[in-house]
Amino acid sequence: MSVRRLALNQPEGFAFSPASLETANWWLQKYPADRRQSAVIPLLWLVQKLEGWVSEPAIRVVAEMLGMPRIRVYEVATFYTMFHLQPVGRHHLQVCGTTPCMLRGANDLKAVCRRRIGAPFAVSADGLLSWEEVECLGACANAPVVAIRDLYHEDLTPQTFEARIDALLRGEDVQPGSAIGRQKSAPEGGPATLVDPALYDGSLAVPVTLPNRPQPQPQPAEA
């Protein structure tokens, strides 16, 4: 495993917003008082959702909330690559580079990122974009895949990927999903099985008489 360290430049402090503090307390209530340290991952994830990354002051705040040594929170934050240890762009692109996506063009998508943004985790000059290569996102049938704000953009080509980047830079809301209009994980061009509605709409049903089926008893007339 590669060594992961905190960024050299750190903010002076960190504080949860009122809404995020309410969410943090909601997580804490899920655990017994003597097991509140189990909430370390949800709280670090909440920090990242709030700030975009996990800073050293945030680690101190989480450690104080959970009553655990700072080094223990640091160990969690540096172990899991889901946590960013340095600032990222407003739109952080996670490009899947595992074998199915690589075979379907992920290297071309990474080339777009290097050309448009720079090296992995470098933040563009306007602060809007950054990117990284990640391991399998679990949508192999729709490769190649890029996650933007944790939502999947699938079946990408360099052209459709750049179109999404351009839309982000214009401040537009980019809709997730397949770039070729694929229905979930169906084959390209649409489903190839169960295409006849008669197979599932009940129109082919044949009445069946069950032997020895109890007959309904007549109901007594109301007085």
C-alpha atoms as a PDB file:
ATOM      1  CA  MET A   1       0.000   0.000   0.000  1.00  0.00           C
ATOM      2  CA  SER A   2       1.246   3.474  -0.830  1.00  0.00           C
ATOM      3  CA  VAL A   3       1.972   5.917   1.995  1.00  0.00           C
ATOM      4  CA  ARG A   4      -0.701   8.589   2.311  1.00  0.00           C
ATOM      5  CA  ARG A   5       0.009  11.780   4.215  1.00  0.00           C
ATOM      6  CA  LEU A   6      -1.901  14.922   5.003  1.00  0.00           C
ATOM      7  CA  ALA A   7      -1.435  18.008   2.844  1.00  0.00           C
ATOM      8  CA  LEU A   8       1.365  20.350   3.855  1.00  0.00           C
ATOM      9  CA  ASN A   9      -0.877  23.428   3.802  1.00  0.00           C
ATOM     10  CA  GLN A  10      -3.687  23.155   6.348  1.00  0.00           C
ATOM     11  CA  PRO A  11      -6.527  25.514   7.324  1.00  0.00           C
ATOM     12  CA  GLU A  12      -6.455  27.114  10.741  1.00  0.00           C
ATOM     13  CA  GLY A  13      -9.554  25.309  11.944  1.00  0.00           C
ATOM     14  CA  PHE A  14     -12.664  23.326  11.138  1.00  0.00           C
ATOM     15  CA  ALA A  15     -16.246  23.394  12.370  1.00  0.00           C
ATOM     16  CA  PHE A  16     -19.345  21.505  11.355  1.00  0.00           C
ATOM     17  CA  SER A  17     -22.170  23.590   9.972  1.00  0.00           C
ATOM     18  CA  PRO A  18     -25.421  23.463  11.989  1.00  0.00           C
ATOM     19  CA  ALA A  19     -26.997  21.085   9.467  1.00  0.00           C
ATOM     20  CA  SER A  20     -23.974  18.789   9.293  1.00  0.00           C
ATOM     21  CA  LEU A  21     -23.651  18.816  13.090  1.00  0.00           C
ATOM     22  CA  GLU A  22     -27.230  17.605  13.294  1.00  0.00           C
ATOM     23  CA  THR A  23     -26.350  14.809  10.886  1.00  0.00           C
ATOM     24  CA  ALA A  24     -23.245  13.979  12.925  1.00  0.00           C
ATOM     25  CA  ASN A  25     -25.340  13.656  16.075  1.00  0.00           C
ATOM     26  CA  TRP A  26     -27.787  11.451  14.166  1.00  0.00           C
ATOM     27  CA  TRP A  27     -24.895   9.109  13.388  1.00  0.00           C
ATOM     28  CA  LEU A  28     -23.680   9.145  16.985  1.00  0.00           C
ATOM     29  CA  GLN A  29     -27.115   8.081  18.217  1.00  0.00           C
ATOM     30  CA  LYS A  30     -26.795   4.886  16.191  1.00  0.00           C
ATOM     31  CA  TYR A  31     -24.141   3.545  18.563  1.00  0.00           C
ATOM     32  CA  PRO A  32     -24.044   2.897  22.327  1.00  0.00           C
ATOM     33  CA  ALA A  33     -22.188   5.526  24.308  1.00  0.00           C
ATOM     34  CA  ASP A  34     -19.223   3.206  24.809  1.00  0.00           C
ATOM     35  CA  ARG A  35     -19.095   2.401  21.082  1.00  0.00           C
ATOM     36  CA  ARG A  36     -19.347   5.910  19.636  1.00  0.00           C
ATOM     37  CA  GLN A  37     -15.909   5.522  18.023  1.00  0.00           C
ATOM     38  CA  SER A  38     -17.634   3.270  15.485  1.00  0.00           C
ATOM     39  CA  ALA A  39     -18.932   6.476  13.879  1.00  0.00           C
ATOM     40  CA  VAL A  40     -15.455   7.575  12.790  1.00  0.00           C
ATOM     41  CA  ILE A  41     -15.927   6.683   9.104  1.00  0.00           C
ATOM     42  CA  PRO A  42     -19.388   8.323   8.769  1.00  0.00           C
ATOM     43  CA  LEU A  43     -18.094  11.484  10.449  1.00  0.00           C
ATOM     44  CA  LEU A  44     -15.009  11.674   8.251  1.00  0.00           C
ATOM     45  CA  TRP A  45     -17.234  11.162   5.208  1.00  0.00           C
ATOM     46  CA  LEU A  46     -19.473  13.962   6.466  1.00  0.00           C
ATOM     47  CA  VAL A  47     -16.407  16.198   6.769  1.00  0.00           C
ATOM     48  CA  GLN A  48     -15.463  15.414   3.174  1.00  0.00           C
ATOM     49  CA  LYS A  49     -18.979  16.136   1.934  1.00  0.00           C
ATOM     50  CA  LEU A  50     -18.800  19.486   3.696  1.00  0.00           C
ATOM     51  CA  GLU A  51     -15.259  20.571   2.779  1.00  0.00           C
ATOM     52  CA  GLY A  52     -14.374  18.393  -0.207  1.00  0.00           C
ATOM     53  CA  TRP A  53     -11.448  16.858   1.681  1.00  0.00           C
ATOM     54  CA  VAL A  54     -10.295  15.840   5.178  1.00  0.00           C
ATOM     55  CA  SER A  55      -7.966  18.321   6.875  1.00  0.00           C
ATOM     56  CA  GLU A  56      -5.900  17.950  10.033  1.00  0.00           C
ATOM     57  CA  PRO A  57      -8.142  20.341  12.019  1.00  0.00           C
ATOM     58  CA  ALA A  58     -11.137  18.236  10.971  1.00  0.00           C
ATOM     59  CA  ILE A  59      -9.389  15.113  12.241  1.00  0.00           C
ATOM     60  CA  ARG A  60      -8.911  16.832  15.597  1.00  0.00           C
ATOM     61  CA  VAL A  61     -12.583  17.810  15.772  1.00  0.00           C
ATOM     62  CA  VAL A  62     -13.741  14.272  14.939  1.00  0.00           C
ATOM     63  CA  ALA A  63     -11.351  12.810  17.516  1.00  0.00           C
ATOM     64  CA  GLU A  64     -12.723  15.129  20.212  1.00  0.00           C
ATOM     65  CA  MET A  65     -16.328  14.299  19.306  1.00  0.00           C
ATOM     66  CA  LEU A  66     -15.651  10.572  19.529  1.00  0.00           C
ATOM     67  CA  GLY A  67     -13.339  10.651  22.521  1.00  0.00           C
ATOM     68  CA  MET A  68     -10.544   8.859  20.704  1.00  0.00           C
ATOM     69  CA  PRO A  69      -6.847   9.664  20.164  1.00  0.00           C
ATOM     70  CA  ARG A  70      -6.154  11.824  17.118  1.00  0.00           C
ATOM     71  CA  ILE A  71      -3.696   9.258  15.791  1.00  0.00           C
ATOM     72  CA  ARG A  72      -6.521   6.698  15.568  1.00  0.00           C
ATOM     73  CA  VAL A  73      -8.631   9.014  13.428  1.00  0.00           C
ATOM     74  CA  TYR A  74      -5.533   9.831  11.380  1.00  0.00           C
ATOM     75  CA  GLU A  75      -4.974   6.105  10.789  1.00  0.00           C
ATOM     76  CA  VAL A  76      -8.503   5.697   9.440  1.00  0.00           C
ATOM     77  CA  ALA A  77      -8.317   8.780   7.218  1.00  0.00           C
ATOM     78  CA  THR A  78      -4.981   7.761   5.694  1.00  0.00           C
ATOM     79  CA  PHE A  79      -5.912   4.095   5.257  1.00  0.00           C
ATOM     80  CA  TYR A  80      -9.067   4.497   3.166  1.00  0.00           C
ATOM     81  CA  THR A  81      -8.472   6.044  -0.258  1.00  0.00           C
ATOM     82  CA  MET A  82     -12.082   7.262  -0.314  1.00  0.00           C
ATOM     83  CA  PHE A  83     -10.889  10.132   1.880  1.00  0.00           C
ATOM     84  CA  HIS A  84      -9.108  12.997   0.124  1.00  0.00           C
ATOM     85  CA  LEU A  85      -6.199  14.307   2.156  1.00  0.00           C
ATOM     86  CA  GLN A  86      -5.704  17.462   0.122  1.00  0.00           C
ATOM     87  CA  PRO A  87      -8.049  20.004  -1.457  1.00  0.00           C
ATOM     88  CA  VAL A  88      -9.820  18.952  -4.640  1.00  0.00           C
ATOM     89  CA  GLY A  89     -11.716  20.897  -7.253  1.00  0.00           C
ATOM     90  CA  ARG A  90     -15.368  21.790  -6.957  1.00  0.00           C
ATOM     91  CA  HIS A  91     -15.999  18.965  -9.409  1.00  0.00           C
ATOM     92  CA  HIS A  92     -13.791  15.987  -8.592  1.00  0.00           C
ATOM     93  CA  LEU A  93     -13.759  13.344 -11.338  1.00  0.00           C
ATOM     94  CA  GLN A  94     -13.109   9.728 -10.371  1.00  0.00           C
ATOM     95  CA  VAL A  95     -12.059   7.743 -13.440  1.00  0.00           C
ATOM     96  CA  CYS A  96     -12.292   3.971 -13.102  1.00  0.00           C
ATOM     97  CA  GLY A  97      -9.101   2.367 -14.391  1.00  0.00           C
ATOM     98  CA  THR A  98      -9.772  -1.289 -13.603  1.00  0.00           C
ATOM     99  CA  THR A  99      -9.556  -3.890 -16.393  1.00  0.00           C
ATOM    100  CA  PRO A 100     -13.105  -3.697 -17.902  1.00  0.00           C
ATOM    101  CA  CYS A 101     -12.980   0.098 -18.087  1.00  0.00           C
ATOM    102  CA  MET A 102      -9.380   0.035 -19.323  1.00  0.00           C
ATOM    103  CA  LEU A 103     -10.365  -2.333 -22.139  1.00  0.00           C
ATOM    104  CA  ARG A 104     -13.260  -0.030 -23.080  1.00  0.00           C
ATOM    105  CA  GLY A 105     -11.269   3.211 -23.246  1.00  0.00           C
ATOM    106  CA  ALA A 106     -10.479   4.433 -19.728  1.00  0.00           C
ATOM    107  CA  ASN A 107      -6.930   5.320 -20.798  1.00  0.00           C
ATOM    108  CA  ASP A 108      -8.397   7.760 -23.330  1.00  0.00           C
ATOM    109  CA  LEU A 109     -10.496   9.347 -20.584  1.00  0.00           C
ATOM    110  CA  LYS A 110      -7.431   9.707 -18.371  1.00  0.00           C
ATOM    111  CA  ALA A 111      -5.640  11.383 -21.285  1.00  0.00           C
ATOM    112  CA  VAL A 112      -8.491  13.905 -21.452  1.00  0.00           C
ATOM    113  CA  CYS A 113      -8.075  14.613 -17.749  1.00  0.00           C
ATOM    114  CA  ARG A 114      -4.328  15.130 -18.064  1.00  0.00           C
ATOM    115  CA  ARG A 115      -4.808  17.473 -21.001  1.00  0.00           C
ATOM    116  CA  ARG A 116      -7.714  19.462 -19.536  1.00  0.00           C
ATOM    117  CA  ILE A 117      -6.805  19.441 -15.833  1.00  0.00           C
ATOM    118  CA  GLY A 118      -3.272  18.163 -15.208  1.00  0.00           C
ATOM    119  CA  ALA A 119      -1.810  15.441 -13.022  1.00  0.00           C
ATOM    120  CA  PRO A 120      -4.022  13.383 -10.699  1.00  0.00           C
ATOM    121  CA  PHE A 121      -5.256  15.474  -7.753  1.00  0.00           C
ATOM    122  CA  ALA A 122      -3.976  18.667  -9.347  1.00  0.00           C
ATOM    123  CA  VAL A 123      -6.645  21.370  -9.154  1.00  0.00           C
ATOM    124  CA  SER A 124      -7.342  23.450 -12.244  1.00  0.00           C
ATOM    125  CA  ALA A 125      -6.390  27.132 -12.105  1.00  0.00           C
ATOM    126  CA  ASP A 126     -10.025  28.177 -11.655  1.00  0.00           C
ATOM    127  CA  GLY A 127     -10.489  25.699  -8.796  1.00  0.00           C
ATOM    128  CA  LEU A 128     -13.330  23.920 -10.554  1.00  0.00           C
ATOM    129  CA  LEU A 129     -11.796  20.602 -11.609  1.00  0.00           C
ATOM    130  CA  SER A 130      -9.592  17.829 -10.272  1.00  0.00           C
ATOM    131  CA  TRP A 131      -9.428  14.114 -10.935  1.00  0.00           C
ATOM    132  CA  GLU A 132      -8.042  10.787  -9.828  1.00  0.00           C
ATOM    133  CA  GLU A 133      -7.953   7.199 -11.018  1.00  0.00           C
ATOM    134  CA  VAL A 134      -9.927   4.809  -8.817  1.00  0.00           C
ATOM    135  CA  GLU A 135     -10.403   1.080  -8.588  1.00  0.00           C
ATOM    136  CA  CYS A 136     -13.535  -0.713  -9.781  1.00  0.00           C
ATOM    137  CA  LEU A 137     -16.726   1.331  -9.433  1.00  0.00           C
ATOM    138  CA  GLY A 138     -18.855  -1.779  -9.904  1.00  0.00           C
ATOM    139  CA  ALA A 139     -20.528  -0.790 -13.186  1.00  0.00           C
ATOM    140  CA  CYS A 140     -18.370  -2.933 -15.462  1.00  0.00           C
ATOM    141  CA  ALA A 141     -21.149  -3.693 -17.966  1.00  0.00           C
ATOM    142  CA  ASN A 142     -21.361   0.022 -18.774  1.00  0.00           C
ATOM    143  CA  ALA A 143     -17.625   0.718 -18.981  1.00  0.00           C
ATOM    144  CA  PRO A 144     -15.868   3.097 -19.107  1.00  0.00           C
ATOM    145  CA  VAL A 145     -17.262   4.877 -16.062  1.00  0.00           C
ATOM    146  CA  VAL A 146     -16.481   8.187 -14.359  1.00  0.00           C
ATOM    147  CA  ALA A 147     -18.029   9.206 -11.035  1.00  0.00           C
ATOM    148  CA  ILE A 148     -18.840  12.896 -10.640  1.00  0.00           C
ATOM    149  CA  ARG A 149     -20.140  13.867  -7.200  1.00  0.00           C
ATOM    150  CA  ASP A 150     -20.520  10.137  -6.520  1.00  0.00           C
ATOM    151  CA  LEU A 151     -22.954   9.727  -9.441  1.00  0.00           C
ATOM    152  CA  TYR A 152     -22.004   7.468 -12.352  1.00  0.00           C
ATOM    153  CA  HIS A 153     -21.494   8.598 -15.949  1.00  0.00           C
ATOM    154  CA  GLU A 154     -21.249   5.494 -18.123  1.00  0.00           C
ATOM    155  CA  ASP A 155     -20.445   4.342 -21.672  1.00  0.00           C
ATOM    156  CA  LEU A 156     -18.228   7.376 -22.148  1.00  0.00           C
ATOM    157  CA  THR A 157     -16.010   8.276 -25.075  1.00  0.00           C
ATOM    158  CA  PRO A 158     -13.439  11.079 -25.027  1.00  0.00           C
ATOM    159  CA  GLN A 159     -15.957  13.249 -26.871  1.00  0.00           C
ATOM    160  CA  THR A 160     -18.909  12.651 -24.541  1.00  0.00           C
ATOM    161  CA  PHE A 161     -16.614  12.959 -21.522  1.00  0.00           C
ATOM    162  CA  GLU A 162     -15.296  16.321 -22.690  1.00  0.00           C
ATOM    163  CA  ALA A 163     -18.862  17.475 -23.327  1.00  0.00           C
ATOM    164  CA  ARG A 164     -19.644  16.752 -19.664  1.00  0.00           C
ATOM    165  CA  ILE A 165     -16.528  18.626 -18.542  1.00  0.00           C
ATOM    166  CA  ASP A 166     -17.519  21.629 -20.682  1.00  0.00           C
ATOM    167  CA  ALA A 167     -21.013  21.581 -19.160  1.00  0.00           C
ATOM    168  CA  LEU A 168     -19.553  21.540 -15.645  1.00  0.00           C
ATOM    169  CA  LEU A 169     -17.371  24.540 -16.484  1.00  0.00           C
ATOM    170  CA  ARG A 170     -20.457  26.390 -17.737  1.00  0.00           C
ATOM    171  CA  GLY A 171     -22.166  25.729 -14.421  1.00  0.00           C
ATOM    172  CA  GLU A 172     -24.734  23.387 -15.911  1.00  0.00           C
ATOM    173  CA  ASP A 173     -26.244  20.424 -14.088  1.00  0.00           C
ATOM    174  CA  VAL A 174     -24.837  17.312 -15.763  1.00  0.00           C
ATOM    175  CA  GLN A 175     -27.196  14.375 -15.615  1.00  0.00           C
ATOM    176  CA  PRO A 176     -25.658  11.007 -14.688  1.00  0.00           C
ATOM    177  CA  GLY A 177     -26.288   7.779 -16.562  1.00  0.00           C
ATOM    178  CA  SER A 178     -25.320   6.220 -19.848  1.00  0.00           C
ATOM    179  CA  ALA A 179     -23.932   8.426 -22.607  1.00  0.00           C
ATOM    180  CA  ILE A 180     -25.547   6.147 -25.202  1.00  0.00           C
ATOM    181  CA  GLY A 181     -28.949   5.944 -23.545  1.00  0.00           C
ATOM    182  CA  ARG A 182     -28.447   2.401 -22.317  1.00  0.00           C
ATOM    183  CA  GLN A 183     -31.256   1.116 -20.116  1.00  0.00           C
ATOM    184  CA  LYS A 184     -29.518   0.295 -16.834  1.00  0.00           C
ATOM    185  CA  SER A 185     -27.195  -2.660 -17.654  1.00  0.00           C
ATOM    186  CA  ALA A 186     -29.114  -3.908 -20.691  1.00  0.00           C
ATOM    187  CA  PRO A 187     -27.183  -4.661 -23.899  1.00  0.00           C
ATOM    188  CA  GLU A 188     -26.404  -1.779 -26.237  1.00  0.00           C
ATOM    189  CA  GLY A 189     -29.485  -1.156 -28.346  1.00  0.00           C
ATOM    190  CA  GLY A 190     -31.895  -2.254 -25.648  1.00  0.00           C
ATOM    191  CA  PRO A 191     -32.973  -5.465 -23.932  1.00  0.00           C
ATOM    192  CA  ALA A 192     -32.596  -8.666 -25.934  1.00  0.00           C
ATOM    193  CA  THR A 193     -34.652 -10.942 -23.684  1.00  0.00           C
ATOM    194  CA  LEU A 194     -38.259 -10.813 -22.443  1.00  0.00           C
ATOM    195  CA  VAL A 195     -39.078  -8.419 -25.260  1.00  0.00           C
ATOM    196  CA  ASP A 196     -42.526  -9.966 -25.865  1.00  0.00           C
ATOM    197  CA  PRO A 197     -44.965  -8.558 -23.267  1.00  0.00           C
ATOM    198  CA  ALA A 198     -47.016 -11.747 -23.530  1.00  0.00           C
ATOM    199  CA  LEU A 199     -44.250 -13.509 -21.658  1.00  0.00           C
ATOM    200  CA  TYR A 200     -44.997 -11.565 -18.490  1.00  0.00           C
ATOM    201  CA  ASP A 201     -48.323  -9.706 -18.791  1.00  0.00           C
ATOM    202  CA  GLY A 202     -50.486 -12.751 -18.024  1.00  0.00           C
ATOM    203  CA  SER A 203     -52.193 -12.878 -21.419  1.00  0.00           C
ATOM    204  CA  LEU A 204     -50.953 -16.449 -22.005  1.00  0.00           C
ATOM    205  CA  ALA A 205     -52.297 -17.689 -18.695  1.00  0.00           C
ATOM    206  CA  VAL A 206     -54.518 -20.762 -18.898  1.00  0.00           C
ATOM    207  CA  PRO A 207     -57.166 -21.447 -16.239  1.00  0.00           C
ATOM    208  CA  VAL A 208     -56.111 -24.376 -14.079  1.00  0.00           C
ATOM    209  CA  THR A 209     -58.395 -26.588 -12.023  1.00  0.00           C
ATOM    210  CA  LEU A 210     -56.740 -27.980  -8.954  1.00  0.00           C
ATOM    211  CA  PRO A 211     -57.874 -31.447  -7.920  1.00  0.00           C
ATOM    212  CA  ASN A 212     -59.440 -31.697  -4.443  1.00  0.00           C
ATOM    213  CA  ARG A 213     -59.561 -27.963  -4.128  1.00  0.00           C
ATOM    214  CA  PRO A 214     -61.830 -26.991  -1.208  1.00  0.00           C
ATOM    215  CA  GLN A 215     -64.993 -25.319  -2.393  1.00  0.00           C
ATOM    216  CA  PRO A 216     -66.046 -22.004  -0.883  1.00  0.00           C
ATOM    217  CA  GLN A 217     -68.679 -22.377   1.809  1.00  0.00           C
ATOM    218  CA  PRO A 218     -71.907 -20.386   1.473  1.00  0.00           C
ATOM    219  CA  GLN A 219     -72.122 -17.485   3.843  1.00  0.00           C
ATOM    220  CA  PRO A 220     -75.090 -17.315   6.234  1.00  0.00           C
ATOM    221  CA  ALA A 221     -77.685 -14.720   5.326  1.00  0.00           C
ATOM    222  CA  GLU A 222     -77.709 -11.599   7.406  1.00  0.00           C
ATOM    223  CA  ALA A 223     -80.612 -11.306   9.872  1.00  0.00           C
END
